[in-house]
Amino acid sequence: MSTTHEPLEEYDGPAALLADDSVEEVEVRLRGHFEPIDGTFHWYGRVSAEGLSERHDNGAAVVVRTPHGQAEAKLSDLDPWGRFRLTGRGRPPF
C-alpha cells in the first residue's frame, strides 16, 4: 500500500503567503492538472488579500501554504479586483 497521494485538482480556501520574511493570511482559489507533454503537475489560480499589491510585484516568488502542504509559486497578472494570478509546477500546496 502506497503512502503517497495524488494531488487534488482544486482548492478554495485560506492560505498563507510567505515572501520576504513575512507571512500574509490570504484566500486562494487554485486549480491544477497533470501535463503529459512535460510530465509535470501545473497549478494556478488567484490570491486575494487587501493591500497585497502594495507589498508584492508582478513576478514575485512566494511560498503558498495551505492545511494540505506548501509549494513555491510566482505572482503575476494583477486583475481589476486586486487579485494576483498565482502559478506553480510540481507538487501543489493542496
PDB file of N, CA and C in Angstrom:
ATOM      1  N   MET A   1       0.845  -1.180   0.000  1.00  0.00           N
ATOM      2  CA  MET A   1       0.000   0.000   0.000  1.00  0.00           C
ATOM      3  C   MET A   1       0.889   1.242   0.000  1.00  0.00           C
ATOM      4  N   SER A   2       0.626   2.157  -0.903  1.00  0.00           N
ATOM      5  CA  SER A   2       1.426   3.374  -1.034  1.00  0.00           C
ATOM      6  C   SER A   2       0.984   4.419  -0.019  1.00  0.00           C
ATOM      7  N   THR A   3       1.951   5.154   0.533  1.00  0.00           N
ATOM      8  CA  THR A   3       1.615   6.213   1.491  1.00  0.00           C
ATOM      9  C   THR A   3       1.552   7.577   0.837  1.00  0.00           C
ATOM     10  N   THR A   4       1.924   7.672  -0.451  1.00  0.00           N
ATOM     11  CA  THR A   4       1.820   8.953  -1.155  1.00  0.00           C
ATOM     12  C   THR A   4       0.417   9.093  -1.713  1.00  0.00           C
ATOM     13  N   HIS A   5       0.032  10.311  -1.991  1.00  0.00           N
ATOM     14  CA  HIS A   5      -1.282  10.532  -2.575  1.00  0.00           C
ATOM     15  C   HIS A   5      -1.151  11.435  -3.786  1.00  0.00           C
ATOM     16  N   GLU A   6      -2.081  11.293  -4.690  1.00  0.00           N
ATOM     17  CA  GLU A   6      -2.116  12.153  -5.857  1.00  0.00           C
ATOM     18  C   GLU A   6      -2.632  13.523  -5.444  1.00  0.00           C
ATOM     19  N   PRO A   7      -2.087  14.598  -6.043  1.00  0.00           N
ATOM     20  CA  PRO A   7      -2.580  15.930  -5.687  1.00  0.00           C
ATOM     21  C   PRO A   7      -4.052  16.093  -6.076  1.00  0.00           C
ATOM     22  N   LEU A   8      -4.768  16.872  -5.299  1.00  0.00           N
ATOM     23  CA  LEU A   8      -6.136  17.218  -5.655  1.00  0.00           C
ATOM     24  C   LEU A   8      -6.097  18.097  -6.891  1.00  0.00           C
ATOM     25  N   GLU A   9      -7.214  18.269  -7.566  1.00  0.00           N
ATOM     26  CA  GLU A   9      -7.243  19.109  -8.748  1.00  0.00           C
ATOM     27  C   GLU A   9      -7.667  20.531  -8.445  1.00  0.00           C
ATOM     28  N   GLU A  10      -8.163  20.784  -7.223  1.00  0.00           N
ATOM     29  CA  GLU A  10      -8.569  22.153  -6.883  1.00  0.00           C
ATOM     30  C   GLU A  10      -8.579  22.368  -5.377  1.00  0.00           C
ATOM     31  N   TYR A  11      -8.468  23.656  -5.006  1.00  0.00           N
ATOM     32  CA  TYR A  11      -8.543  24.043  -3.602  1.00  0.00           C
ATOM     33  C   TYR A  11      -9.043  25.480  -3.544  1.00  0.00           C
ATOM     34  N   ASP A  12     -10.041  25.728  -2.734  1.00  0.00           N
ATOM     35  CA  ASP A  12     -10.549  27.073  -2.450  1.00  0.00           C
ATOM     36  C   ASP A  12     -10.549  27.233  -0.942  1.00  0.00           C
ATOM     37  N   GLY A  13      -9.857  28.258  -0.458  1.00  0.00           N
ATOM     38  CA  GLY A  13      -9.874  28.453   0.979  1.00  0.00           C
ATOM     39  C   GLY A  13      -8.713  29.273   1.489  1.00  0.00           C
ATOM     40  N   PRO A  14      -8.500  29.208   2.800  1.00  0.00           N
ATOM     41  CA  PRO A  14      -7.454  30.014   3.425  1.00  0.00           C
ATOM     42  C   PRO A  14      -6.064  29.466   3.103  1.00  0.00           C
ATOM     43  N   ALA A  15      -5.102  30.382   3.069  1.00  0.00           N
ATOM     44  CA  ALA A  15      -3.710  30.020   2.843  1.00  0.00           C
ATOM     45  C   ALA A  15      -2.827  31.096   3.456  1.00  0.00           C
ATOM     46  N   ALA A  16      -1.557  30.792   3.548  1.00  0.00           N
ATOM     47  CA  ALA A  16      -0.569  31.778   3.977  1.00  0.00           C
ATOM     48  C   ALA A  16       0.385  31.991   2.814  1.00  0.00           C
ATOM     49  N   LEU A  17       0.732  33.244   2.578  1.00  0.00           N
ATOM     50  CA  LEU A  17       1.666  33.607   1.525  1.00  0.00           C
ATOM     51  C   LEU A  17       2.949  34.059   2.200  1.00  0.00           C
ATOM     52  N   LEU A  18       4.043  33.357   1.953  1.00  0.00           N
ATOM     53  CA  LEU A  18       5.325  33.662   2.586  1.00  0.00           C
ATOM     54  C   LEU A  18       6.254  34.295   1.551  1.00  0.00           C
ATOM     55  N   ALA A  19       6.776  35.473   1.867  1.00  0.00           N
ATOM     56  CA  ALA A  19       7.712  36.174   0.983  1.00  0.00           C
ATOM     57  C   ALA A  19       8.425  37.257   1.767  1.00  0.00           C
ATOM     58  N   ASP A  20       9.702  37.423   1.484  1.00  0.00           N
ATOM     59  CA  ASP A  20      10.481  38.495   2.109  1.00  0.00           C
ATOM     60  C   ASP A  20      10.353  38.494   3.628  1.00  0.00           C
ATOM     61  N   ASP A  21      10.499  37.351   4.253  1.00  0.00           N
ATOM     62  CA  ASP A  21      10.434  37.227   5.715  1.00  0.00           C
ATOM     63  C   ASP A  21       9.106  37.674   6.316  1.00  0.00           C
ATOM     64  N   SER A  22       8.037  37.615   5.527  1.00  0.00           N
ATOM     65  CA  SER A  22       6.718  37.967   6.048  1.00  0.00           C
ATOM     66  C   SER A  22       5.739  36.842   5.736  1.00  0.00           C
ATOM     67  N   VAL A  23       4.703  36.758   6.551  1.00  0.00           N
ATOM     68  CA  VAL A  23       3.639  35.784   6.339  1.00  0.00           C
ATOM     69  C   VAL A  23       2.334  36.552   6.253  1.00  0.00           C
ATOM     70  N   GLU A  24       1.598  36.333   5.186  1.00  0.00           N
ATOM     71  CA  GLU A  24       0.356  37.047   4.945  1.00  0.00           C
ATOM     72  C   GLU A  24      -0.789  36.053   4.840  1.00  0.00           C
ATOM     73  N   GLU A  25      -1.851  36.229   5.615  1.00  0.00           N
ATOM     74  CA  GLU A  25      -3.033  35.371   5.531  1.00  0.00           C
ATOM     75  C   GLU A  25      -3.861  35.821   4.333  1.00  0.00           C
ATOM     76  N   VAL A  26      -4.194  34.881   3.440  1.00  0.00           N
ATOM     77  CA  VAL A  26      -4.898  35.197   2.202  1.00  0.00           C
ATOM     78  C   VAL A  26      -5.984  34.157   1.939  1.00  0.00           C
ATOM     79  N   GLU A  27      -6.806  34.428   0.961  1.00  0.00           N
ATOM     80  CA  GLU A  27      -7.763  33.463   0.422  1.00  0.00           C
ATOM     81  C   GLU A  27      -7.293  33.119  -0.982  1.00  0.00           C
ATOM     82  N   VAL A  28      -7.286  31.830  -1.297  1.00  0.00           N
ATOM     83  CA  VAL A  28      -6.844  31.408  -2.619  1.00  0.00           C
ATOM     84  C   VAL A  28      -7.915  30.571  -3.305  1.00  0.00           C
ATOM     85  N   ARG A  29      -7.830  30.573  -4.584  1.00  0.00           N
ATOM     86  CA  ARG A  29      -8.663  29.727  -5.440  1.00  0.00           C
ATOM     87  C   ARG A  29      -7.708  29.084  -6.424  1.00  0.00           C
ATOM     88  N   LEU A  30      -7.407  27.801  -6.241  1.00  0.00           N
ATOM     89  CA  LEU A  30      -6.368  27.128  -7.015  1.00  0.00           C
ATOM     90  C   LEU A  30      -6.923  25.938  -7.778  1.00  0.00           C
ATOM     91  N   ARG A  31      -6.367  25.709  -8.954  1.00  0.00           N
ATOM     92  CA  ARG A  31      -6.724  24.574  -9.800  1.00  0.00           C
ATOM     93  C   ARG A  31      -5.434  24.000 -10.357  1.00  0.00           C
ATOM     94  N   GLY A  32      -5.478  22.769 -10.834  1.00  0.00           N
ATOM     95  CA  GLY A  32      -4.286  22.186 -11.429  1.00  0.00           C
ATOM     96  C   GLY A  32      -4.597  20.980 -12.276  1.00  0.00           C
ATOM     97  N   HIS A  33      -3.602  20.568 -13.046  1.00  0.00           N
ATOM     98  CA  HIS A  33      -3.742  19.383 -13.880  1.00  0.00           C
ATOM     99  C   HIS A  33      -2.357  18.819 -14.208  1.00  0.00           C
ATOM    100  N   PHE A  34      -2.318  17.540 -14.483  1.00  0.00           N
ATOM    101  CA  PHE A  34      -1.089  16.884 -14.908  1.00  0.00           C
ATOM    102  C   PHE A  34      -0.936  17.113 -16.397  1.00  0.00           C
ATOM    103  N   GLU A  35       0.225  17.592 -16.808  1.00  0.00           N
ATOM    104  CA  GLU A  35       0.511  17.838 -18.218  1.00  0.00           C
ATOM    105  C   GLU A  35       1.382  16.693 -18.748  1.00  0.00           C
ATOM    106  N   PRO A  36       0.816  15.804 -19.562  1.00  0.00           N
ATOM    107  CA  PRO A  36       1.582  14.645 -20.017  1.00  0.00           C
ATOM    108  C   PRO A  36       2.749  14.999 -20.941  1.00  0.00           C
ATOM    109  N   ILE A  37       2.704  16.138 -21.606  1.00  0.00           N
ATOM    110  CA  ILE A  37       3.790  16.506 -22.523  1.00  0.00           C
ATOM    111  C   ILE A  37       5.100  16.706 -21.774  1.00  0.00           C
ATOM    112  N   ASP A  38       5.053  17.400 -20.625  1.00  0.00           N
ATOM    113  CA  ASP A  38       6.300  17.595 -19.863  1.00  0.00           C
ATOM    114  C   ASP A  38       6.356  16.739 -18.597  1.00  0.00           C
ATOM    115  N   GLY A  39       5.300  15.965 -18.321  1.00  0.00           N
ATOM    116  CA  GLY A  39       5.296  15.064 -17.177  1.00  0.00           C
ATOM    117  C   GLY A  39       5.237  15.764 -15.835  1.00  0.00           C
ATOM    118  N   THR A  40       4.686  16.969 -15.795  1.00  0.00           N
ATOM    119  CA  THR A  40       4.659  17.773 -14.573  1.00  0.00           C
ATOM    120  C   THR A  40       3.234  18.201 -14.248  1.00  0.00           C
ATOM    121  N   PHE A  41       2.937  18.305 -12.945  1.00  0.00           N
ATOM    122  CA  PHE A  41       1.660  18.846 -12.499  1.00  0.00           C
ATOM    123  C   PHE A  41       1.777  20.372 -12.524  1.00  0.00           C
ATOM    124  N   HIS A  42       0.883  21.038 -13.221  1.00  0.00           N
ATOM    125  CA  HIS A  42       0.844  22.502 -13.302  1.00  0.00           C
ATOM    126  C   HIS A  42      -0.344  22.986 -12.490  1.00  0.00           C
ATOM    127  N   TRP A  43      -0.135  23.967 -11.625  1.00  0.00           N
ATOM    128  CA  TRP A  43      -1.242  24.513 -10.846  1.00  0.00           C
ATOM    129  C   TRP A  43      -1.217  26.029 -10.935  1.00  0.00           C
ATOM    130  N   TYR A  44      -2.390  26.632 -10.717  1.00  0.00           N
ATOM    131  CA  TYR A  44      -2.576  28.058 -10.961  1.00  0.00           C
ATOM    132  C   TYR A  44      -3.826  28.515 -10.238  1.00  0.00           C
ATOM    133  N   GLY A  45      -4.001  29.808 -10.140  1.00  0.00           N
ATOM    134  CA  GLY A  45      -5.201  30.329  -9.519  1.00  0.00           C
ATOM    135  C   GLY A  45      -5.062  31.804  -9.203  1.00  0.00           C
ATOM    136  N   ARG A  46      -5.887  32.261  -8.288  1.00  0.00           N
ATOM    137  CA  ARG A  46      -5.886  33.666  -7.869  1.00  0.00           C
ATOM    138  C   ARG A  46      -5.764  33.746  -6.361  1.00  0.00           C
ATOM    139  N   VAL A  47      -5.083  34.784  -5.915  1.00  0.00           N
ATOM    140  CA  VAL A  47      -4.924  35.027  -4.485  1.00  0.00           C
ATOM    141  C   VAL A  47      -5.414  36.445  -4.207  1.00  0.00           C
ATOM    142  N   SER A  48      -6.241  36.591  -3.180  1.00  0.00           N
ATOM    143  CA  SER A  48      -6.743  37.917  -2.846  1.00  0.00           C
ATOM    144  C   SER A  48      -6.452  38.237  -1.390  1.00  0.00           C
ATOM    145  N   ALA A  49      -5.967  39.431  -1.187  1.00  0.00           N
ATOM    146  CA  ALA A  49      -5.717  39.942   0.157  1.00  0.00           C
ATOM    147  C   ALA A  49      -5.624  41.457   0.036  1.00  0.00           C
ATOM    148  N   GLU A  50      -6.297  42.124   0.909  1.00  0.00           N
ATOM    149  CA  GLU A  50      -6.288  43.576   0.884  1.00  0.00           C
ATOM    150  C   GLU A  50      -4.867  44.097   1.082  1.00  0.00           C
ATOM    151  N   GLY A  51      -4.418  44.985   0.208  1.00  0.00           N
ATOM    152  CA  GLY A  51      -3.104  45.581   0.332  1.00  0.00           C
ATOM    153  C   GLY A  51      -1.961  44.730  -0.181  1.00  0.00           C
ATOM    154  N   LEU A  52      -2.243  43.539  -0.680  1.00  0.00           N
ATOM    155  CA  LEU A  52      -1.183  42.663  -1.168  1.00  0.00           C
ATOM    156  C   LEU A  52      -0.412  43.308  -2.314  1.00  0.00           C
ATOM    157  N   SER A  53      -1.097  44.013  -3.206  1.00  0.00           N
ATOM    158  CA  SER A  53      -0.433  44.617  -4.360  1.00  0.00           C
ATOM    159  C   SER A  53       0.573  45.689  -3.957  1.00  0.00           C
ATOM    160  N   GLU A  54       0.419  46.274  -2.778  1.00  0.00           N
ATOM    161  CA  GLU A  54       1.356  47.293  -2.326  1.00  0.00           C
ATOM    162  C   GLU A  54       2.675  46.685  -1.857  1.00  0.00           C
ATOM    163  N   ARG A  55       2.680  45.405  -1.509  1.00  0.00           N
ATOM    164  CA  ARG A  55       3.877  44.769  -0.963  1.00  0.00           C
ATOM    165  C   ARG A  55       4.581  43.828  -1.926  1.00  0.00           C
ATOM    166  N   HIS A  56       3.903  43.391  -2.993  1.00  0.00           N
ATOM    167  CA  HIS A  56       4.485  42.411  -3.910  1.00  0.00           C
ATOM    168  C   HIS A  56       4.385  42.897  -5.345  1.00  0.00           C
ATOM    169  N   ASP A  57       5.427  42.613  -6.103  1.00  0.00           N
ATOM    170  CA  ASP A  57       5.475  42.988  -7.510  1.00  0.00           C
ATOM    171  C   ASP A  57       5.054  41.829  -8.399  1.00  0.00           C
ATOM    172  N   ASN A  58       4.684  42.172  -9.625  1.00  0.00           N
ATOM    173  CA  ASN A  58       4.394  41.180 -10.636  1.00  0.00           C
ATOM    174  C   ASN A  58       5.654  40.333 -10.833  1.00  0.00           C
ATOM    175  N   GLY A  59       5.534  39.028 -10.777  1.00  0.00           N
ATOM    176  CA  GLY A  59       6.673  38.137 -10.941  1.00  0.00           C
ATOM    177  C   GLY A  59       7.373  37.760  -9.652  1.00  0.00           C
ATOM    178  N   ALA A  60       6.865  38.231  -8.509  1.00  0.00           N
ATOM    179  CA  ALA A  60       7.494  37.921  -7.223  1.00  0.00           C
ATOM    180  C   ALA A  60       7.399  36.434  -6.911  1.00  0.00           C
ATOM    181  N   ALA A  61       8.481  35.876  -6.374  1.00  0.00           N
ATOM    182  CA  ALA A  61       8.489  34.484  -5.930  1.00  0.00           C
ATOM    183  C   ALA A  61       7.947  34.423  -4.510  1.00  0.00           C
ATOM    184  N   VAL A  62       7.033  33.493  -4.262  1.00  0.00           N
ATOM    185  CA  VAL A  62       6.412  33.324  -2.945  1.00  0.00           C
ATOM    186  C   VAL A  62       6.299  31.835  -2.628  1.00  0.00           C
ATOM    187  N   VAL A  63       5.967  31.537  -1.394  1.00  0.00           N
ATOM    188  CA  VAL A  63       5.625  30.180  -0.986  1.00  0.00           C
ATOM    189  C   VAL A  63       4.169  30.228  -0.527  1.00  0.00           C
ATOM    190  N   VAL A  64       3.363  29.309  -1.036  1.00  0.00           N
ATOM    191  CA  VAL A  64       1.949  29.222  -0.665  1.00  0.00           C
ATOM    192  C   VAL A  64       1.795  28.049   0.286  1.00  0.00           C
ATOM    193  N   ARG A  65       1.207  28.296   1.460  1.00  0.00           N
ATOM    194  CA  ARG A  65       0.993  27.245   2.455  1.00  0.00           C
ATOM    195  C   ARG A  65      -0.496  27.109   2.727  1.00  0.00           C
ATOM    196  N   THR A  66      -1.018  25.887   2.604  1.00  0.00           N
ATOM    197  CA  THR A  66      -2.408  25.575   2.938  1.00  0.00           C
ATOM    198  C   THR A  66      -2.378  24.495   4.017  1.00  0.00           C
ATOM    199  N   PRO A  67      -3.530  24.102   4.536  1.00  0.00           N
ATOM    200  CA  PRO A  67      -3.548  22.999   5.506  1.00  0.00           C
ATOM    201  C   PRO A  67      -3.034  21.678   4.920  1.00  0.00           C
ATOM    202  N   HIS A  68      -2.911  21.588   3.588  1.00  0.00           N
ATOM    203  CA  HIS A  68      -2.503  20.351   2.928  1.00  0.00           C
ATOM    204  C   HIS A  68      -1.025  20.304   2.561  1.00  0.00           C
ATOM    205  N   GLY A  69      -0.322  21.443   2.626  1.00  0.00           N
ATOM    206  CA  GLY A  69       1.090  21.469   2.248  1.00  0.00           C
ATOM    207  C   GLY A  69       1.521  22.856   1.829  1.00  0.00           C
ATOM    208  N   GLN A  70       2.720  22.933   1.279  1.00  0.00           N
ATOM    209  CA  GLN A  70       3.214  24.218   0.793  1.00  0.00           C
ATOM    210  C   GLN A  70       4.013  24.001  -0.478  1.00  0.00           C
ATOM    211  N   ALA A  71       4.115  25.059  -1.301  1.00  0.00           N
ATOM    212  CA  ALA A  71       4.841  24.979  -2.563  1.00  0.00           C
ATOM    213  C   ALA A  71       5.257  26.372  -3.008  1.00  0.00           C
ATOM    214  N   GLU A  72       6.325  26.424  -3.804  1.00  0.00           N
ATOM    215  CA  GLU A  72       6.789  27.680  -4.369  1.00  0.00           C
ATOM    216  C   GLU A  72       5.917  28.063  -5.554  1.00  0.00           C
ATOM    217  N   ALA A  73       5.733  29.383  -5.736  1.00  0.00           N
ATOM    218  CA  ALA A  73       4.901  29.885  -6.824  1.00  0.00           C
ATOM    219  C   ALA A  73       5.392  31.264  -7.233  1.00  0.00           C
ATOM    220  N   LYS A  74       4.825  31.772  -8.314  1.00  0.00           N
ATOM    221  CA  LYS A  74       5.109  33.128  -8.777  1.00  0.00           C
ATOM    222  C   LYS A  74       3.800  33.896  -8.875  1.00  0.00           C
ATOM    223  N   LEU A  75       3.862  35.178  -8.526  1.00  0.00           N
ATOM    224  CA  LEU A  75       2.720  36.072  -8.668  1.00  0.00           C
ATOM    225  C   LEU A  75       2.805  36.771 -10.023  1.00  0.00           C
ATOM    226  N   SER A  76       1.660  36.987 -10.654  1.00  0.00           N
ATOM    227  CA  SER A  76       1.612  37.746 -11.906  1.00  0.00           C
ATOM    228  C   SER A  76       0.199  38.240 -12.140  1.00  0.00           C
ATOM    229  N   ASP A  77       0.015  39.026 -13.199  1.00  0.00           N
ATOM    230  CA  ASP A  77      -1.325  39.452 -13.641  1.00  0.00           C
ATOM    231  C   ASP A  77      -2.220  39.989 -12.532  1.00  0.00           C
ATOM    232  N   LEU A  78      -2.035  41.176 -12.105  1.00  0.00           N
ATOM    233  CA  LEU A  78      -2.953  41.793 -11.146  1.00  0.00           C
ATOM    234  C   LEU A  78      -4.236  42.154 -11.885  1.00  0.00           C
ATOM    235  N   ASP A  79      -5.377  41.594 -11.450  1.00  0.00           N
ATOM    236  CA  ASP A  79      -6.638  41.866 -12.138  1.00  0.00           C
ATOM    237  C   ASP A  79      -7.312  43.116 -11.555  1.00  0.00           C
ATOM    238  N   PRO A  80      -8.390  43.585 -12.174  1.00  0.00           N
ATOM    239  CA  PRO A  80      -9.059  44.812 -11.705  1.00  0.00           C
ATOM    240  C   PRO A  80      -9.604  44.725 -10.279  1.00  0.00           C
ATOM    241  N   TRP A  81      -9.749  43.529  -9.728  1.00  0.00           N
ATOM    242  CA  TRP A  81     -10.279  43.352  -8.382  1.00  0.00           C
ATOM    243  C   TRP A  81      -9.169  43.207  -7.342  1.00  0.00           C
ATOM    244  N   GLY A  82      -7.917  43.418  -7.758  1.00  0.00           N
ATOM    245  CA  GLY A  82      -6.802  43.374  -6.826  1.00  0.00           C
ATOM    246  C   GLY A  82      -6.315  41.981  -6.490  1.00  0.00           C
ATOM    247  N   ARG A  83      -6.600  41.018  -7.348  1.00  0.00           N
ATOM    248  CA  ARG A  83      -6.148  39.643  -7.122  1.00  0.00           C
ATOM    249  C   ARG A  83      -4.991  39.330  -8.068  1.00  0.00           C
ATOM    250  N   PHE A  84      -3.944  38.718  -7.525  1.00  0.00           N
ATOM    251  CA  PHE A  84      -2.835  38.273  -8.355  1.00  0.00           C
ATOM    252  C   PHE A  84      -3.097  36.877  -8.886  1.00  0.00           C
ATOM    253  N   ARG A  85      -2.605  36.612 -10.079  1.00  0.00           N
ATOM    254  CA  ARG A  85      -2.583  35.241 -10.581  1.00  0.00           C
ATOM    255  C   ARG A  85      -1.387  34.563  -9.933  1.00  0.00           C
ATOM    256  N   LEU A  86      -1.545  33.307  -9.600  1.00  0.00           N
ATOM    257  CA  LEU A  86      -0.522  32.518  -8.937  1.00  0.00           C
ATOM    258  C   LEU A  86      -0.261  31.298  -9.799  1.00  0.00           C
ATOM    259  N   THR A  87       1.005  30.976 -10.072  1.00  0.00           N
ATOM    260  CA  THR A  87       1.328  29.802 -10.888  1.00  0.00           C
ATOM    261  C   THR A  87       2.448  29.004 -10.233  1.00  0.00           C
ATOM    262  N   GLY A  88       2.374  27.691 -10.377  1.00  0.00           N
ATOM    263  CA  GLY A  88       3.406  26.817  -9.844  1.00  0.00           C
ATOM    264  C   GLY A  88       3.460  25.522 -10.628  1.00  0.00           C
ATOM    265  N   ARG A  89       4.567  24.794 -10.442  1.00  0.00           N
ATOM    266  CA  ARG A  89       4.752  23.494 -11.091  1.00  0.00           C
ATOM    267  C   ARG A  89       5.220  22.498 -10.054  1.00  0.00           C
ATOM    268  N   GLY A  90       4.872  21.253 -10.274  1.00  0.00           N
ATOM    269  CA  GLY A  90       5.250  20.208  -9.337  1.00  0.00           C
ATOM    270  C   GLY A  90       4.163  19.991  -8.297  1.00  0.00           C
ATOM    271  N   ARG A  91       4.536  19.430  -7.153  1.00  0.00           N
ATOM    272  CA  ARG A  91       3.551  19.149  -6.108  1.00  0.00           C
ATOM    273  C   ARG A  91       2.921  20.451  -5.650  1.00  0.00           C
ATOM    274  N   PRO A  92       1.583  20.546  -5.715  1.00  0.00           N
ATOM    275  CA  PRO A  92       0.885  21.763  -5.306  1.00  0.00           C
ATOM    276  C   PRO A  92       0.682  21.811  -3.784  1.00  0.00           C
ATOM    277  N   PRO A  93       0.280  22.959  -3.284  1.00  0.00           N
ATOM    278  CA  PRO A  93       0.037  23.076  -1.840  1.00  0.00           C
ATOM    279  C   PRO A  93      -1.350  22.605  -1.422  1.00  0.00           C
ATOM    280  N   PHE A  94      -2.023  21.840  -2.276  1.00  0.00           N
ATOM    281  CA  PHE A  94      -3.376  21.376  -1.952  1.00  0.00           C
ATOM    282  C   PHE A  94      -3.547  19.910  -2.262  1.00  0.00           C
TER     283      PHE A  94
END
